[in-house]
């Protein structure tokens, strides 16, 4: 970790930065990051991520799981959210970015609880994607309503 911080100050590029331009990996990595925020990466969260990946990208279960596993490695090797949000911001029209936030809320709420770390992570992603807090709140309410059905 100290080496990664030193590289940032020296201006050395993150070795995996250019490799993470694929929007599928970017979305999946953000979902994994959201799930890991509370230090309890549960099976429910993994299942939610696989479901979202399959739904968003038209993948079968095995392909969605394989993509999630690649995203887990990408997220674990990342120093932050920027490279993932940048890839999505470049590839996703503004009016569709709320869907990304809705997907994040779906993962955050998959374990039945929210914590400050998860809320903060979603708020940071909103800022990086240019999604207003109000839209994030409405997205969360839609997900909560679907869960209660």
N, C-alpha and C. Protein backbone atom coordinates (compact mmCIF):
# COMPACT_ATOMS: atom_id res chain seq x y z
N UNK A 1 0.81 -1.18 0.00
CA UNK A 1 0.00 0.00 0.00
C UNK A 1 0.87 1.26 0.00
N UNK A 2 1.92 1.25 0.77
CA UNK A 2 2.82 2.40 0.80
C UNK A 2 3.45 2.62 -0.57
N UNK A 3 3.80 1.52 -1.26
CA UNK A 3 4.35 1.65 -2.61
C UNK A 3 3.36 2.31 -3.56
N UNK A 4 2.07 1.93 -3.44
CA UNK A 4 1.04 2.51 -4.31
C UNK A 4 0.90 4.01 -4.05
N UNK A 5 0.96 4.40 -2.78
CA UNK A 5 0.87 5.82 -2.43
C UNK A 5 2.08 6.57 -2.95
N UNK A 6 3.25 5.97 -2.80
CA UNK A 6 4.48 6.61 -3.30
C UNK A 6 4.43 6.80 -4.81
N UNK A 7 3.90 5.80 -5.52
CA UNK A 7 3.77 5.92 -6.98
C UNK A 7 2.86 7.07 -7.36
N UNK A 8 1.79 7.26 -6.59
CA UNK A 8 0.87 8.37 -6.87
C UNK A 8 1.59 9.70 -6.75
N UNK A 9 2.40 9.84 -5.71
CA UNK A 9 3.13 11.09 -5.51
C UNK A 9 4.23 11.29 -6.54
N UNK A 10 4.85 10.21 -6.99
CA UNK A 10 5.89 10.31 -8.01
C UNK A 10 5.30 10.50 -9.40
N UNK A 11 4.00 10.26 -9.52
CA UNK A 11 3.36 10.42 -10.82
C UNK A 11 3.45 9.17 -11.69
N UNK A 12 3.89 8.06 -11.13
CA UNK A 12 3.97 6.83 -11.91
C UNK A 12 2.56 6.33 -12.17
N UNK A 13 2.26 5.95 -13.39
CA UNK A 13 0.91 5.49 -13.70
C UNK A 13 0.61 4.16 -13.04
N UNK A 14 -0.64 3.97 -12.72
CA UNK A 14 -1.12 2.71 -12.19
C UNK A 14 -0.99 1.68 -13.32
N UNK A 15 -0.28 0.56 -13.10
CA UNK A 15 -0.04 -0.38 -14.18
C UNK A 15 -1.29 -0.98 -14.80
N UNK A 16 -2.39 -1.04 -14.08
CA UNK A 16 -3.61 -1.61 -14.62
C UNK A 16 -4.56 -0.59 -15.19
N UNK A 17 -4.21 0.69 -15.16
CA UNK A 17 -5.15 1.74 -15.55
C UNK A 17 -5.66 1.56 -16.97
N UNK A 18 -4.77 1.38 -17.92
CA UNK A 18 -5.21 1.27 -19.31
C UNK A 18 -5.97 -0.02 -19.57
N UNK A 19 -5.75 -1.03 -18.76
CA UNK A 19 -6.43 -2.29 -18.96
C UNK A 19 -7.90 -2.22 -18.57
N UNK A 20 -8.27 -1.24 -17.74
CA UNK A 20 -9.64 -1.14 -17.27
C UNK A 20 -10.36 -0.04 -18.04
N UNK A 21 -10.72 -0.33 -19.25
CA UNK A 21 -11.50 0.60 -20.04
C UNK A 21 -12.83 -0.03 -20.44
N UNK A 22 -12.96 -1.31 -20.29
CA UNK A 22 -14.16 -2.02 -20.65
C UNK A 22 -15.28 -1.66 -19.68
N UNK A 23 -16.41 -1.21 -20.21
CA UNK A 23 -17.50 -0.77 -19.35
C UNK A 23 -18.12 -1.91 -18.55
N UNK A 24 -18.07 -3.14 -19.08
CA UNK A 24 -18.60 -4.28 -18.32
C UNK A 24 -17.78 -4.51 -17.05
N UNK A 25 -16.47 -4.50 -17.19
CA UNK A 25 -15.60 -4.67 -16.01
C UNK A 25 -15.78 -3.47 -15.07
N UNK A 26 -15.86 -2.28 -15.63
CA UNK A 26 -16.00 -1.07 -14.81
C UNK A 26 -17.25 -1.14 -13.95
N UNK A 27 -18.39 -1.47 -14.55
CA UNK A 27 -19.63 -1.56 -13.78
C UNK A 27 -19.52 -2.65 -12.72
N UNK A 28 -19.05 -3.82 -13.11
CA UNK A 28 -18.94 -4.93 -12.17
C UNK A 28 -17.99 -4.59 -11.02
N UNK A 29 -16.89 -3.89 -11.32
CA UNK A 29 -15.94 -3.52 -10.27
C UNK A 29 -16.57 -2.54 -9.28
N UNK A 30 -17.36 -1.61 -9.77
CA UNK A 30 -18.06 -0.69 -8.85
C UNK A 30 -19.05 -1.44 -7.98
N UNK A 31 -19.74 -2.42 -8.55
CA UNK A 31 -20.68 -3.21 -7.77
C UNK A 31 -19.95 -4.01 -6.69
N UNK A 32 -18.81 -4.57 -7.05
CA UNK A 32 -18.00 -5.31 -6.07
C UNK A 32 -17.51 -4.36 -4.98
N UNK A 33 -17.06 -3.19 -5.36
CA UNK A 33 -16.60 -2.20 -4.39
C UNK A 33 -17.72 -1.86 -3.41
N UNK A 34 -18.92 -1.65 -3.93
CA UNK A 34 -20.06 -1.34 -3.06
C UNK A 34 -20.32 -2.47 -2.08
N UNK A 35 -20.25 -3.70 -2.56
CA UNK A 35 -20.49 -4.87 -1.70
C UNK A 35 -19.43 -5.01 -0.62
N UNK A 36 -18.22 -4.61 -0.91
CA UNK A 36 -17.12 -4.78 0.04
C UNK A 36 -17.02 -3.62 1.05
N UNK A 37 -17.79 -2.60 0.90
CA UNK A 37 -17.69 -1.43 1.76
C UNK A 37 -17.93 -1.73 3.23
N UNK A 38 -18.80 -2.66 3.53
CA UNK A 38 -19.11 -2.96 4.93
C UNK A 38 -18.28 -4.12 5.48
N UNK A 39 -17.23 -4.52 4.74
CA UNK A 39 -16.33 -5.60 5.16
C UNK A 39 -17.04 -6.94 5.33
N UNK A 40 -18.18 -7.09 4.68
CA UNK A 40 -18.92 -8.35 4.73
C UNK A 40 -19.44 -8.63 3.33
N UNK A 41 -18.60 -9.23 2.50
CA UNK A 41 -18.93 -9.51 1.11
C UNK A 41 -19.69 -10.82 1.07
N UNK A 42 -21.00 -10.73 1.18
CA UNK A 42 -21.85 -11.91 1.38
C UNK A 42 -22.24 -12.60 0.08
N UNK A 43 -22.74 -13.82 0.23
CA UNK A 43 -23.25 -14.56 -0.91
C UNK A 43 -24.44 -13.84 -1.55
N UNK A 44 -25.27 -13.19 -0.73
CA UNK A 44 -26.40 -12.42 -1.27
C UNK A 44 -25.91 -11.30 -2.18
N UNK A 45 -24.82 -10.64 -1.76
CA UNK A 45 -24.27 -9.56 -2.57
C UNK A 45 -23.66 -10.10 -3.86
N UNK A 46 -22.96 -11.21 -3.77
CA UNK A 46 -22.41 -11.83 -4.99
C UNK A 46 -23.52 -12.21 -5.96
N UNK A 47 -24.59 -12.79 -5.42
CA UNK A 47 -25.72 -13.18 -6.27
C UNK A 47 -26.37 -11.94 -6.91
N UNK A 48 -26.49 -10.87 -6.15
CA UNK A 48 -27.06 -9.63 -6.69
C UNK A 48 -26.18 -9.08 -7.81
N UNK A 49 -24.88 -9.11 -7.60
CA UNK A 49 -23.95 -8.64 -8.63
C UNK A 49 -24.07 -9.50 -9.89
N UNK A 50 -24.08 -10.81 -9.72
CA UNK A 50 -24.21 -11.69 -10.88
C UNK A 50 -25.52 -11.43 -11.62
N UNK A 51 -26.59 -11.22 -10.88
CA UNK A 51 -27.90 -10.94 -11.49
C UNK A 51 -27.87 -9.63 -12.28
N UNK A 52 -27.28 -8.60 -11.69
CA UNK A 52 -27.20 -7.30 -12.35
C UNK A 52 -26.35 -7.40 -13.62
N UNK A 53 -25.20 -8.05 -13.50
CA UNK A 53 -24.31 -8.20 -14.65
C UNK A 53 -25.02 -8.94 -15.78
N UNK A 54 -25.70 -10.02 -15.45
CA UNK A 54 -26.42 -10.80 -16.46
C UNK A 54 -27.51 -9.94 -17.11
N UNK A 55 -28.26 -9.23 -16.29
CA UNK A 55 -29.36 -8.39 -16.80
C UNK A 55 -28.85 -7.25 -17.66
N UNK A 56 -27.83 -6.56 -17.21
CA UNK A 56 -27.33 -5.38 -17.91
C UNK A 56 -26.59 -5.71 -19.20
N UNK A 57 -25.94 -6.87 -19.23
CA UNK A 57 -25.11 -7.20 -20.38
C UNK A 57 -25.60 -8.40 -21.18
N UNK A 58 -26.76 -8.95 -20.80
CA UNK A 58 -27.32 -10.07 -21.55
C UNK A 58 -26.47 -11.32 -21.48
N UNK A 59 -25.90 -11.60 -20.32
CA UNK A 59 -25.02 -12.75 -20.16
C UNK A 59 -25.74 -13.88 -19.44
N UNK A 60 -25.27 -15.11 -19.66
CA UNK A 60 -25.80 -16.23 -18.87
C UNK A 60 -25.10 -16.23 -17.51
N UNK A 61 -25.56 -17.13 -16.65
CA UNK A 61 -25.06 -17.17 -15.27
C UNK A 61 -23.55 -17.40 -15.19
N UNK A 62 -23.05 -18.33 -15.98
CA UNK A 62 -21.61 -18.64 -15.94
C UNK A 62 -20.77 -17.45 -16.41
N UNK A 63 -21.21 -16.79 -17.47
CA UNK A 63 -20.47 -15.62 -17.98
C UNK A 63 -20.53 -14.47 -16.99
N UNK A 64 -21.67 -14.29 -16.34
CA UNK A 64 -21.81 -13.22 -15.34
C UNK A 64 -20.88 -13.48 -14.15
N UNK A 65 -20.83 -14.72 -13.71
CA UNK A 65 -19.94 -15.08 -12.60
C UNK A 65 -18.48 -14.87 -12.98
N UNK A 66 -18.11 -15.26 -14.18
CA UNK A 66 -16.72 -15.06 -14.65
C UNK A 66 -16.38 -13.58 -14.72
N UNK A 67 -17.32 -12.76 -15.19
CA UNK A 67 -17.08 -11.32 -15.24
C UNK A 67 -16.94 -10.73 -13.84
N UNK A 68 -17.79 -11.19 -12.90
CA UNK A 68 -17.67 -10.72 -11.52
C UNK A 68 -16.31 -11.07 -10.94
N UNK A 69 -15.83 -12.27 -11.21
CA UNK A 69 -14.53 -12.68 -10.68
C UNK A 69 -13.41 -11.82 -11.25
N UNK A 70 -13.47 -11.47 -12.52
CA UNK A 70 -12.48 -10.55 -13.11
C UNK A 70 -12.59 -9.18 -12.45
N UNK A 71 -13.81 -8.75 -12.21
CA UNK A 71 -14.03 -7.45 -11.57
C UNK A 71 -13.52 -7.44 -10.13
N UNK A 72 -13.65 -8.56 -9.44
CA UNK A 72 -13.13 -8.64 -8.06
C UNK A 72 -11.62 -8.39 -8.06
N UNK A 73 -10.94 -9.01 -9.01
CA UNK A 73 -9.48 -8.81 -9.11
C UNK A 73 -9.15 -7.38 -9.49
N UNK A 74 -9.90 -6.81 -10.42
CA UNK A 74 -9.66 -5.42 -10.84
C UNK A 74 -9.91 -4.46 -9.69
N UNK A 75 -10.98 -4.69 -8.96
CA UNK A 75 -11.31 -3.81 -7.83
C UNK A 75 -10.27 -3.93 -6.72
N UNK A 76 -9.84 -5.14 -6.44
CA UNK A 76 -8.84 -5.35 -5.38
C UNK A 76 -7.51 -4.69 -5.74
N UNK A 77 -7.20 -4.61 -7.02
CA UNK A 77 -5.95 -4.01 -7.45
C UNK A 77 -6.04 -2.52 -7.74
N UNK A 78 -7.18 -1.93 -7.45
CA UNK A 78 -7.39 -0.52 -7.76
C UNK A 78 -7.16 0.35 -6.54
N UNK A 79 -6.65 1.54 -6.80
CA UNK A 79 -6.43 2.50 -5.72
C UNK A 79 -7.64 3.40 -5.49
N UNK A 80 -8.67 3.26 -6.30
CA UNK A 80 -9.84 4.12 -6.12
C UNK A 80 -10.92 3.84 -7.14
N UNK A 81 -11.88 4.74 -7.17
CA UNK A 81 -13.05 4.59 -8.03
C UNK A 81 -12.90 5.24 -9.40
N UNK A 82 -11.96 6.16 -9.54
CA UNK A 82 -11.90 7.01 -10.72
C UNK A 82 -11.82 6.24 -12.03
N UNK A 83 -10.95 5.26 -12.11
CA UNK A 83 -10.80 4.60 -13.40
C UNK A 83 -12.05 3.86 -13.83
N UNK A 84 -12.81 3.36 -12.88
CA UNK A 84 -14.06 2.68 -13.22
C UNK A 84 -15.14 3.69 -13.60
N UNK A 85 -15.27 4.74 -12.78
CA UNK A 85 -16.30 5.74 -13.09
C UNK A 85 -15.97 6.48 -14.38
N UNK A 86 -14.68 6.70 -14.63
CA UNK A 86 -14.28 7.37 -15.87
C UNK A 86 -14.70 6.55 -17.09
N UNK A 87 -14.46 5.25 -17.04
CA UNK A 87 -14.84 4.38 -18.16
C UNK A 87 -16.35 4.42 -18.39
N UNK A 88 -17.11 4.43 -17.31
CA UNK A 88 -18.56 4.46 -17.44
C UNK A 88 -19.06 5.83 -17.88
N UNK A 89 -18.44 6.87 -17.39
CA UNK A 89 -18.85 8.22 -17.77
C UNK A 89 -18.61 8.45 -19.26
N UNK A 90 -17.52 7.88 -19.77
CA UNK A 90 -17.19 8.02 -21.19
C UNK A 90 -18.12 7.21 -22.08
N UNK A 91 -18.67 6.11 -21.57
CA UNK A 91 -19.44 5.20 -22.41
C UNK A 91 -20.95 5.26 -22.16
N UNK A 92 -21.37 5.97 -21.13
CA UNK A 92 -22.79 5.98 -20.76
C UNK A 92 -23.36 7.38 -20.88
N UNK A 93 -24.42 7.54 -21.67
CA UNK A 93 -25.06 8.85 -21.76
C UNK A 93 -25.54 9.32 -20.38
N UNK A 94 -25.55 10.62 -20.17
CA UNK A 94 -25.90 11.18 -18.87
C UNK A 94 -27.23 10.64 -18.35
N UNK A 95 -28.25 10.59 -19.21
CA UNK A 95 -29.57 10.18 -18.76
C UNK A 95 -29.65 8.71 -18.37
N UNK A 96 -28.62 7.92 -18.67
CA UNK A 96 -28.61 6.51 -18.29
C UNK A 96 -27.74 6.23 -17.06
N UNK A 97 -27.06 7.24 -16.56
CA UNK A 97 -26.15 7.02 -15.42
C UNK A 97 -26.89 6.76 -14.12
N UNK A 98 -28.12 7.22 -14.01
CA UNK A 98 -28.91 6.93 -12.81
C UNK A 98 -29.11 5.43 -12.68
N UNK A 99 -29.18 4.72 -13.81
CA UNK A 99 -29.30 3.27 -13.77
C UNK A 99 -28.10 2.61 -13.10
N UNK A 100 -26.93 3.19 -13.29
CA UNK A 100 -25.73 2.68 -12.62
C UNK A 100 -25.89 2.83 -11.11
N UNK A 101 -26.39 3.99 -10.70
CA UNK A 101 -26.59 4.25 -9.26
C UNK A 101 -27.65 3.31 -8.71
N UNK A 102 -28.69 3.07 -9.46
CA UNK A 102 -29.73 2.13 -9.03
C UNK A 102 -29.14 0.74 -8.84
N UNK A 103 -28.25 0.33 -9.74
CA UNK A 103 -27.58 -0.96 -9.60
C UNK A 103 -26.73 -1.00 -8.33
N UNK A 104 -26.05 0.10 -8.03
CA UNK A 104 -25.25 0.15 -6.80
C UNK A 104 -26.14 -0.01 -5.57
N UNK A 105 -27.28 0.69 -5.57
CA UNK A 105 -28.19 0.56 -4.43
C UNK A 105 -28.72 -0.86 -4.31
N UNK A 106 -28.93 -1.52 -5.42
CA UNK A 106 -29.40 -2.90 -5.39
C UNK A 106 -28.39 -3.80 -4.66
N UNK A 107 -27.11 -3.58 -4.90
CA UNK A 107 -26.08 -4.36 -4.22
C UNK A 107 -25.97 -3.95 -2.75
N UNK A 108 -25.97 -2.66 -2.49
CA UNK A 108 -25.86 -2.18 -1.10
C UNK A 108 -26.99 -2.75 -0.25
N UNK A 109 -28.18 -2.82 -0.80
CA UNK A 109 -29.34 -3.27 -0.03
C UNK A 109 -29.53 -4.79 -0.06
N UNK A 110 -28.70 -5.50 -0.81
CA UNK A 110 -28.86 -6.95 -0.97
C UNK A 110 -28.69 -7.71 0.35
N UNK A 111 -27.89 -7.18 1.26
CA UNK A 111 -27.69 -7.88 2.53
C UNK A 111 -28.65 -7.41 3.62
N UNK A 112 -29.60 -6.54 3.25
CA UNK A 112 -30.62 -6.11 4.19
C UNK A 112 -30.21 -4.97 5.10
N UNK A 113 -29.02 -4.41 4.90
CA UNK A 113 -28.56 -3.34 5.78
C UNK A 113 -27.72 -2.34 4.99
N UNK A 114 -27.71 -1.10 5.48
CA UNK A 114 -26.86 -0.05 4.90
C UNK A 114 -25.94 0.44 6.00
N UNK A 115 -24.76 0.87 5.61
CA UNK A 115 -23.89 1.53 6.59
C UNK A 115 -23.31 2.80 5.96
N UNK A 116 -22.63 3.57 6.77
CA UNK A 116 -22.11 4.86 6.31
C UNK A 116 -21.10 4.71 5.18
N UNK A 117 -20.29 3.66 5.22
CA UNK A 117 -19.31 3.43 4.17
C UNK A 117 -19.97 3.19 2.82
N UNK A 118 -21.04 2.43 2.82
CA UNK A 118 -21.76 2.16 1.58
C UNK A 118 -22.42 3.44 1.05
N UNK A 119 -23.07 4.17 1.95
CA UNK A 119 -23.70 5.43 1.54
C UNK A 119 -22.68 6.40 0.97
N UNK A 120 -21.54 6.48 1.63
CA UNK A 120 -20.47 7.38 1.18
C UNK A 120 -19.94 6.96 -0.20
N UNK A 121 -19.78 5.67 -0.40
CA UNK A 121 -19.27 5.18 -1.69
C UNK A 121 -20.24 5.55 -2.81
N UNK A 122 -21.54 5.33 -2.60
CA UNK A 122 -22.53 5.67 -3.62
C UNK A 122 -22.50 7.18 -3.88
N UNK A 123 -22.38 7.96 -2.83
CA UNK A 123 -22.32 9.42 -2.98
C UNK A 123 -21.10 9.84 -3.80
N UNK A 124 -19.95 9.21 -3.56
CA UNK A 124 -18.75 9.54 -4.34
C UNK A 124 -18.91 9.16 -5.80
N UNK A 125 -19.51 8.00 -6.06
CA UNK A 125 -19.75 7.59 -7.45
C UNK A 125 -20.69 8.58 -8.13
N UNK A 126 -21.72 9.00 -7.41
CA UNK A 126 -22.63 10.00 -7.97
C UNK A 126 -21.87 11.25 -8.39
N UNK A 127 -20.99 11.72 -7.53
CA UNK A 127 -20.20 12.90 -7.86
C UNK A 127 -19.33 12.69 -9.08
N UNK A 128 -18.70 11.55 -9.17
CA UNK A 128 -17.82 11.25 -10.29
C UNK A 128 -18.57 11.06 -11.60
N UNK A 129 -19.82 10.60 -11.51
CA UNK A 129 -20.64 10.41 -12.71
C UNK A 129 -21.51 11.62 -13.03
N UNK A 130 -21.55 12.59 -12.11
CA UNK A 130 -22.37 13.77 -12.32
C UNK A 130 -23.85 13.54 -12.06
N UNK A 131 -24.17 12.56 -11.22
CA UNK A 131 -25.56 12.26 -10.87
C UNK A 131 -25.91 13.00 -9.58
N UNK A 132 -26.94 13.84 -9.61
CA UNK A 132 -27.33 14.59 -8.41
C UNK A 132 -27.78 13.68 -7.27
N UNK A 133 -27.56 14.13 -6.02
CA UNK A 133 -27.96 13.36 -4.84
C UNK A 133 -29.45 13.04 -4.86
N UNK A 134 -30.25 13.97 -5.32
CA UNK A 134 -31.71 13.75 -5.36
C UNK A 134 -32.02 12.53 -6.24
N UNK A 135 -31.38 12.43 -7.39
CA UNK A 135 -31.61 11.29 -8.28
C UNK A 135 -31.16 9.99 -7.63
N UNK A 136 -30.07 10.05 -6.86
CA UNK A 136 -29.60 8.87 -6.14
C UNK A 136 -30.63 8.44 -5.09
N UNK A 137 -31.18 9.40 -4.39
CA UNK A 137 -32.19 9.09 -3.38
C UNK A 137 -33.43 8.45 -3.99
N UNK A 138 -33.85 8.98 -5.13
CA UNK A 138 -35.01 8.40 -5.82
C UNK A 138 -34.69 6.99 -6.33
N UNK A 139 -33.46 6.78 -6.80
CA UNK A 139 -33.04 5.45 -7.25
C UNK A 139 -33.08 4.47 -6.08
N UNK A 140 -32.59 4.90 -4.93
CA UNK A 140 -32.60 4.05 -3.74
C UNK A 140 -34.04 3.69 -3.36
N UNK A 141 -34.94 4.66 -3.40
CA UNK A 141 -36.33 4.40 -3.06
C UNK A 141 -36.97 3.39 -4.03
N UNK A 142 -36.64 3.48 -5.31
CA UNK A 142 -37.17 2.51 -6.27
C UNK A 142 -36.68 1.10 -5.95
N UNK A 143 -35.40 0.98 -5.60
CA UNK A 143 -34.86 -0.34 -5.27
C UNK A 143 -35.50 -0.87 -3.99
N UNK A 144 -35.64 -0.02 -3.00
CA UNK A 144 -36.28 -0.44 -1.74
C UNK A 144 -37.71 -0.91 -2.00
N UNK A 145 -38.44 -0.21 -2.87
CA UNK A 145 -39.82 -0.61 -3.19
C UNK A 145 -39.84 -1.98 -3.87
N UNK A 146 -38.89 -2.24 -4.78
CA UNK A 146 -38.83 -3.54 -5.46
C UNK A 146 -38.51 -4.65 -4.46
N UNK A 147 -37.64 -4.36 -3.52
CA UNK A 147 -37.25 -5.38 -2.52
C UNK A 147 -38.45 -5.74 -1.65
N UNK A 148 -39.27 -4.76 -1.33
CA UNK A 148 -40.43 -5.00 -0.44
C UNK A 148 -41.57 -5.73 -1.13
N UNK A 149 -41.54 -5.79 -2.46
CA UNK A 149 -42.63 -6.48 -3.20
C UNK A 149 -42.56 -7.96 -3.00
